[in-house]
Amino acid sequence: MEAYGLLMIAAVLFCVLLAVLWICLPFAVFGIKDRLDTLIKLQREVLKARL
C-alpha cells in the first residue's frame, strides 16, 4: 500500500506540472510569433536585395 501512495503522489505532481505547462505554452507561442514574423520579413528583404 505504501508504494501505491508514492505512485499517487508522483501522478499528482506530474499532473500539476502538466497543467502548468498547458497554461503557459500558448503565451510562449504567441510571444515568439512576433519575433518569427520579424525574422521572416528580414529574410525576405535580404533575399530580395540579392536578386
C-alpha atoms as a PDB file:
ATOM      1  CA  MET A   1       0.000   0.000   0.000  1.00  0.00           C
ATOM      2  CA  GLU A   2       2.918   2.345   0.616  1.00  0.00           C
ATOM      3  CA  ALA A   3       4.047   2.044  -2.992  1.00  0.00           C
ATOM      4  CA  TYR A   4       0.533   2.960  -4.108  1.00  0.00           C
ATOM      5  CA  GLY A   5       0.702   6.170  -2.062  1.00  0.00           C
ATOM      6  CA  LEU A   6       4.057   7.135  -3.589  1.00  0.00           C
ATOM      7  CA  LEU A   7       2.710   6.409  -7.045  1.00  0.00           C
ATOM      8  CA  MET A   8      -0.314   8.616  -6.401  1.00  0.00           C
ATOM      9  CA  ILE A   9       1.916  11.472  -5.191  1.00  0.00           C
ATOM     10  CA  ALA A  10       4.069  11.140  -8.308  1.00  0.00           C
ATOM     11  CA  ALA A  11       0.958  11.107 -10.510  1.00  0.00           C
ATOM     12  CA  VAL A  12      -0.456  14.216  -8.849  1.00  0.00           C
ATOM     13  CA  LEU A  13       2.854  16.078  -9.178  1.00  0.00           C
ATOM     14  CA  PHE A  14       3.064  15.079 -12.834  1.00  0.00           C
ATOM     15  CA  CYS A  15      -0.489  16.314 -13.450  1.00  0.00           C
ATOM     16  CA  VAL A  16       0.239  19.631 -11.733  1.00  0.00           C
ATOM     17  CA  LEU A  17       3.379  20.094 -13.840  1.00  0.00           C
ATOM     18  CA  LEU A  18       1.431  19.211 -16.981  1.00  0.00           C
ATOM     19  CA  ALA A  19      -1.319  21.695 -16.080  1.00  0.00           C
ATOM     20  CA  VAL A  20       1.217  24.499 -15.545  1.00  0.00           C
ATOM     21  CA  LEU A  21       2.852  23.776 -18.900  1.00  0.00           C
ATOM     22  CA  TRP A  22      -0.564  23.562 -20.589  1.00  0.00           C
ATOM     23  CA  ILE A  23      -1.445  27.021 -19.264  1.00  0.00           C
ATOM     24  CA  CYS A  24       1.924  28.663 -20.050  1.00  0.00           C
ATOM     25  CA  LEU A  25       2.592  27.219 -23.505  1.00  0.00           C
ATOM     26  CA  PRO A  26       0.127  29.374 -25.506  1.00  0.00           C
ATOM     27  CA  PHE A  27       1.676  32.539 -24.071  1.00  0.00           C
ATOM     28  CA  ALA A  28       5.133  31.322 -25.073  1.00  0.00           C
ATOM     29  CA  VAL A  29       3.971  30.521 -28.614  1.00  0.00           C
ATOM     30  CA  PHE A  30       2.271  33.892 -29.108  1.00  0.00           C
ATOM     31  CA  GLY A  31       5.298  35.653 -27.633  1.00  0.00           C
ATOM     32  CA  ILE A  32       7.562  34.046 -30.230  1.00  0.00           C
ATOM     33  CA  LYS A  33       5.198  34.772 -33.132  1.00  0.00           C
ATOM     34  CA  ASP A  34       6.169  38.456 -33.419  1.00  0.00           C
ATOM     35  CA  ARG A  35       9.864  37.581 -33.460  1.00  0.00           C
ATOM     36  CA  LEU A  36       9.310  34.977 -36.158  1.00  0.00           C
ATOM     37  CA  ASP A  37       7.338  37.461 -38.264  1.00  0.00           C
ATOM     38  CA  THR A  38      10.235  39.934 -37.962  1.00  0.00           C
ATOM     39  CA  LEU A  39      12.780  37.284 -38.964  1.00  0.00           C
ATOM     40  CA  ILE A  40      10.710  36.262 -41.976  1.00  0.00           C
ATOM     41  CA  LYS A  41      10.378  39.895 -43.066  1.00  0.00           C
ATOM     42  CA  LEU A  42      14.138  40.463 -42.742  1.00  0.00           C
ATOM     43  CA  GLN A  43      14.912  37.266 -44.626  1.00  0.00           C
ATOM     44  CA  ARG A  44      12.642  38.310 -47.489  1.00  0.00           C
ATOM     45  CA  GLU A  45      14.360  41.710 -47.637  1.00  0.00           C
ATOM     46  CA  VAL A  46      17.787  40.070 -47.769  1.00  0.00           C
ATOM     47  CA  LEU A  47      16.710  37.648 -50.477  1.00  0.00           C
ATOM     48  CA  LYS A  48      15.122  40.473 -52.477  1.00  0.00           C
ATOM     49  CA  ALA A  49      18.345  42.510 -52.196  1.00  0.00           C
ATOM     50  CA  ARG A  50      20.425  39.600 -53.521  1.00  0.00           C
ATOM     51  CA  LEU A  51      18.420  39.330 -56.733  1.00  0.00           C
END
